[in-house]
Amino acid sequence: ITTSPQQKATDMCHPVELRPLTVRESAKIQTFPDDWIFHGSVSSKYKQVGNAVPVLLAKELGEYLINSMQGNQPKGK
C-alpha cells in the first residue's frame, strides 16, 4: 500500500480493472474496519492508510507485548 495512488505502478494494483485502488480498498488491505472514517482530503486519506501499521498486526503485537511484560509465555500460532 502506498501513500499516493498517482504513481504509475499503482495502475496495475487492482486485480480486474486498470486503475489504482480506492482509499476504502486500500484500507481493507490494511485491515481497517469497514466503518472506519478517514478525515481530510483524498490525498490525506491515502497517506493515512499508506502510513498505517495494519490494524490486526498492531493488535497481535500489542497482545504479545502485554503478555510478555506480565511474564506470560506467548502463545504460538
N, C-alpha and C. Protein backbone atom coordinates (compact mmCIF):
# COMPACT_ATOMS: atom_id res chain seq x y z
N ILE A 1 0.86 -1.17 0.00
CA ILE A 1 0.00 0.00 0.00
C ILE A 1 0.90 1.23 0.00
N THR A 2 0.60 2.17 -0.88
CA THR A 2 1.40 3.39 -0.95
C THR A 2 0.61 4.56 -0.38
N THR A 3 1.31 5.66 -0.18
CA THR A 3 0.64 6.85 0.33
C THR A 3 0.05 7.70 -0.78
N SER A 4 0.28 7.33 -2.02
CA SER A 4 -0.25 8.09 -3.15
C SER A 4 -0.60 7.16 -4.30
N PRO A 5 -1.83 7.21 -4.80
CA PRO A 5 -2.22 6.35 -5.91
C PRO A 5 -1.79 6.91 -7.26
N GLN A 6 -1.10 8.02 -7.28
CA GLN A 6 -0.74 8.66 -8.54
C GLN A 6 0.53 8.10 -9.17
N GLN A 7 1.17 7.15 -8.51
CA GLN A 7 2.37 6.55 -9.06
C GLN A 7 1.98 5.61 -10.19
N LYS A 8 2.78 5.55 -11.24
CA LYS A 8 2.45 4.75 -12.42
C LYS A 8 2.19 3.29 -12.08
N ALA A 9 2.95 2.71 -11.17
CA ALA A 9 2.79 1.30 -10.84
C ALA A 9 1.45 0.99 -10.17
N THR A 10 0.80 2.00 -9.57
CA THR A 10 -0.46 1.72 -8.89
C THR A 10 -1.59 1.45 -9.86
N ASP A 11 -1.43 1.79 -11.14
CA ASP A 11 -2.45 1.46 -12.13
C ASP A 11 -2.64 -0.04 -12.25
N MET A 12 -1.64 -0.81 -11.87
CA MET A 12 -1.71 -2.26 -12.01
C MET A 12 -2.09 -2.95 -10.70
N CYS A 13 -2.53 -2.21 -9.71
CA CYS A 13 -2.84 -2.80 -8.40
C CYS A 13 -4.18 -3.52 -8.36
N HIS A 14 -5.18 -3.00 -9.03
CA HIS A 14 -6.50 -3.62 -8.99
C HIS A 14 -6.46 -4.94 -9.75
N PRO A 15 -7.04 -5.99 -9.20
CA PRO A 15 -6.93 -7.32 -9.84
C PRO A 15 -7.69 -7.47 -11.14
N VAL A 16 -8.70 -6.63 -11.40
CA VAL A 16 -9.53 -6.80 -12.59
C VAL A 16 -9.50 -5.58 -13.51
N GLU A 17 -9.46 -4.41 -12.93
CA GLU A 17 -9.54 -3.17 -13.70
C GLU A 17 -8.19 -2.46 -13.72
N LEU A 18 -7.98 -1.67 -14.77
CA LEU A 18 -6.74 -0.90 -14.89
C LEU A 18 -6.93 0.44 -14.18
N ARG A 19 -6.76 0.41 -12.87
CA ARG A 19 -6.93 1.61 -12.05
C ARG A 19 -6.27 1.38 -10.70
N PRO A 20 -5.95 2.47 -10.02
CA PRO A 20 -5.43 2.31 -8.66
C PRO A 20 -6.54 1.88 -7.71
N LEU A 21 -6.16 1.37 -6.57
CA LEU A 21 -7.13 1.01 -5.54
C LEU A 21 -7.72 2.28 -4.93
N THR A 22 -8.97 2.20 -4.52
CA THR A 22 -9.59 3.33 -3.82
C THR A 22 -9.06 3.39 -2.38
N VAL A 23 -9.35 4.48 -1.71
CA VAL A 23 -8.97 4.60 -0.30
C VAL A 23 -9.57 3.45 0.49
N ARG A 24 -10.84 3.14 0.27
CA ARG A 24 -11.52 2.08 1.01
C ARG A 24 -10.91 0.72 0.72
N GLU A 25 -10.58 0.44 -0.54
CA GLU A 25 -9.93 -0.83 -0.89
C GLU A 25 -8.56 -0.95 -0.22
N SER A 26 -7.83 0.15 -0.22
CA SER A 26 -6.52 0.16 0.44
C SER A 26 -6.67 -0.06 1.94
N ALA A 27 -7.67 0.58 2.53
CA ALA A 27 -7.92 0.42 3.97
C ALA A 27 -8.30 -1.01 4.31
N LYS A 28 -9.04 -1.65 3.43
CA LYS A 28 -9.43 -3.05 3.66
C LYS A 28 -8.19 -3.94 3.70
N ILE A 29 -7.25 -3.70 2.81
CA ILE A 29 -6.00 -4.47 2.80
C ILE A 29 -5.23 -4.25 4.11
N GLN A 30 -5.29 -3.04 4.63
CA GLN A 30 -4.61 -2.70 5.89
C GLN A 30 -5.42 -3.15 7.11
N THR A 31 -6.50 -3.86 6.89
CA THR A 31 -7.39 -4.44 7.91
C THR A 31 -8.12 -3.40 8.77
N PHE A 32 -8.34 -2.20 8.22
CA PHE A 32 -9.20 -1.24 8.91
C PHE A 32 -10.63 -1.76 8.88
N PRO A 33 -11.40 -1.53 9.94
CA PRO A 33 -12.82 -1.91 9.90
C PRO A 33 -13.55 -1.15 8.79
N ASP A 34 -14.59 -1.76 8.24
CA ASP A 34 -15.33 -1.12 7.15
C ASP A 34 -15.95 0.21 7.54
N ASP A 35 -16.25 0.39 8.82
CA ASP A 35 -16.89 1.64 9.26
C ASP A 35 -15.88 2.70 9.74
N TRP A 36 -14.59 2.44 9.56
CA TRP A 36 -13.57 3.41 9.97
C TRP A 36 -13.67 4.64 9.09
N ILE A 37 -13.65 5.81 9.69
CA ILE A 37 -13.78 7.06 8.94
C ILE A 37 -12.43 7.76 8.88
N PHE A 38 -12.01 8.08 7.68
CA PHE A 38 -10.79 8.85 7.46
C PHE A 38 -11.20 10.29 7.19
N HIS A 39 -10.46 11.23 7.74
CA HIS A 39 -10.80 12.64 7.58
C HIS A 39 -9.76 13.33 6.71
N GLY A 40 -10.19 14.40 6.05
CA GLY A 40 -9.28 15.19 5.24
C GLY A 40 -9.51 14.98 3.75
N SER A 41 -8.58 15.48 2.97
CA SER A 41 -8.67 15.36 1.52
C SER A 41 -8.41 13.91 1.10
N VAL A 42 -8.68 13.62 -0.16
CA VAL A 42 -8.44 12.27 -0.67
C VAL A 42 -6.97 11.91 -0.53
N SER A 43 -6.07 12.84 -0.86
CA SER A 43 -4.64 12.52 -0.75
C SER A 43 -4.25 12.31 0.72
N SER A 44 -4.87 13.06 1.63
CA SER A 44 -4.62 12.86 3.05
C SER A 44 -5.10 11.48 3.51
N LYS A 45 -6.23 11.05 2.99
CA LYS A 45 -6.76 9.73 3.35
C LYS A 45 -5.84 8.62 2.85
N TYR A 46 -5.34 8.74 1.61
CA TYR A 46 -4.39 7.75 1.10
C TYR A 46 -3.13 7.72 1.98
N LYS A 47 -2.69 8.90 2.40
CA LYS A 47 -1.49 8.98 3.24
C LYS A 47 -1.73 8.31 4.60
N GLN A 48 -2.91 8.53 5.18
CA GLN A 48 -3.24 7.91 6.47
C GLN A 48 -3.21 6.38 6.35
N VAL A 49 -3.80 5.86 5.28
CA VAL A 49 -3.83 4.41 5.08
C VAL A 49 -2.44 3.88 4.77
N GLY A 50 -1.72 4.57 3.88
CA GLY A 50 -0.40 4.10 3.47
C GLY A 50 0.63 4.13 4.58
N ASN A 51 0.51 5.07 5.50
CA ASN A 51 1.46 5.17 6.61
C ASN A 51 1.08 4.31 7.82
N ALA A 52 -0.09 3.71 7.77
CA ALA A 52 -0.59 2.95 8.92
C ALA A 52 0.08 1.59 9.04
N VAL A 53 0.20 1.15 10.28
CA VAL A 53 0.55 -0.24 10.55
C VAL A 53 -0.77 -1.00 10.43
N PRO A 54 -0.81 -2.14 9.72
CA PRO A 54 -2.07 -2.87 9.61
C PRO A 54 -2.69 -3.12 10.99
N VAL A 55 -3.98 -2.87 11.09
CA VAL A 55 -4.68 -2.92 12.37
C VAL A 55 -4.50 -4.26 13.08
N LEU A 56 -4.70 -5.36 12.37
CA LEU A 56 -4.58 -6.67 13.02
C LEU A 56 -3.15 -6.97 13.44
N LEU A 57 -2.18 -6.48 12.68
CA LEU A 57 -0.78 -6.66 13.08
C LEU A 57 -0.50 -5.91 14.38
N ALA A 58 -0.98 -4.67 14.47
CA ALA A 58 -0.79 -3.88 15.69
C ALA A 58 -1.47 -4.55 16.88
N LYS A 59 -2.65 -5.11 16.67
CA LYS A 59 -3.37 -5.80 17.75
C LYS A 59 -2.57 -6.99 18.25
N GLU A 60 -2.09 -7.82 17.33
CA GLU A 60 -1.32 -9.00 17.72
C GLU A 60 -0.03 -8.62 18.43
N LEU A 61 0.65 -7.61 17.93
CA LEU A 61 1.89 -7.15 18.55
C LEU A 61 1.62 -6.62 19.95
N GLY A 62 0.56 -5.83 20.10
CA GLY A 62 0.20 -5.30 21.41
C GLY A 62 -0.10 -6.39 22.42
N GLU A 63 -0.87 -7.39 21.98
CA GLU A 63 -1.19 -8.51 22.88
C GLU A 63 0.07 -9.28 23.27
N TYR A 64 0.96 -9.48 22.33
CA TYR A 64 2.22 -10.17 22.60
C TYR A 64 3.04 -9.40 23.64
N LEU A 65 3.15 -8.08 23.45
CA LEU A 65 3.93 -7.26 24.38
C LEU A 65 3.32 -7.26 25.78
N ILE A 66 2.01 -7.14 25.87
CA ILE A 66 1.34 -7.17 27.18
C ILE A 66 1.61 -8.49 27.88
N ASN A 67 1.44 -9.60 27.16
CA ASN A 67 1.69 -10.91 27.75
C ASN A 67 3.14 -11.05 28.19
N SER A 68 4.07 -10.57 27.38
CA SER A 68 5.49 -10.66 27.72
C SER A 68 5.81 -9.84 28.97
N MET A 69 5.25 -8.63 29.06
CA MET A 69 5.51 -7.78 30.22
C MET A 69 4.89 -8.35 31.49
N GLN A 70 3.83 -9.12 31.35
CA GLN A 70 3.19 -9.74 32.51
C GLN A 70 3.82 -11.08 32.86
N GLY A 71 4.85 -11.47 32.12
CA GLY A 71 5.55 -12.71 32.39
C GLY A 71 4.87 -13.95 31.85
N ASN A 72 3.86 -13.76 31.02
CA ASN A 72 3.16 -14.89 30.42
C ASN A 72 3.93 -15.38 29.20
N GLN A 73 3.91 -16.68 29.01
CA GLN A 73 4.54 -17.23 27.82
C GLN A 73 3.67 -16.89 26.61
N PRO A 74 4.25 -16.28 25.59
CA PRO A 74 3.46 -16.00 24.38
C PRO A 74 2.98 -17.30 23.75
N LYS A 75 1.75 -17.26 23.25
CA LYS A 75 1.19 -18.43 22.59
C LYS A 75 1.69 -18.49 21.16
N GLY A 76 2.10 -19.67 20.72
CA GLY A 76 2.46 -19.85 19.32
C GLY A 76 1.21 -19.98 18.49
N LYS A 77 1.27 -19.45 17.29
CA LYS A 77 0.10 -19.54 16.41
C LYS A 77 0.47 -20.26 15.15
